[in-house]
């Protein structure tokens, strides 16, 4: 493995721990540099009949290594409603938890309305650049939450409404980005 030349003579060793020239740490990385990435996958369908937001899937934790870094959040899943007993609407949102403090980032980031008793789901993907403005060492995670808005709908993510053999799960890819 070689050396990654970042900018202005700043270099990083293949191990990611030895810095050259004027660089002393990842805080010297040029803006937009991906510093670290974590991914996680929930393997099953999750649902709720609650009218208040309930967490259905969460990312693994990422711990910041740079002051005020940005976090690139990518989520892929299926999202739908089980309205077999009637009709209804549901919402899902994106929540950040940083050192135990929850912040809603997008509410709602999607909604589903069904006017007939049925099962329906679609693939859903979102990429969001978060600016949590946190110090080094902050533990951050992200979650998808859902709630029933009205009617008898039961929102779900990570699978198909009636066939668990095809549960696709929910995938999170979380990257720390130099500010």
Foldseek 3Di string as FASTA:
>chain_A
DAWDQADPRWIAGPVRQDIDDPDDHCLPGDFFDFNDKDKDWDQFKFWDAAQDWDFGDKTAKDFAAYAQWKKKKKKKKKKWKQQQVFWFKKFKFKWKAKQRDIDTDDVGPDMDGDHGRDWDMDMDMDIDIGGPRDGGGIIMMMTMIMHTNDDRIMMMIQQGDPDRVGRRTMMMMMTTTRD
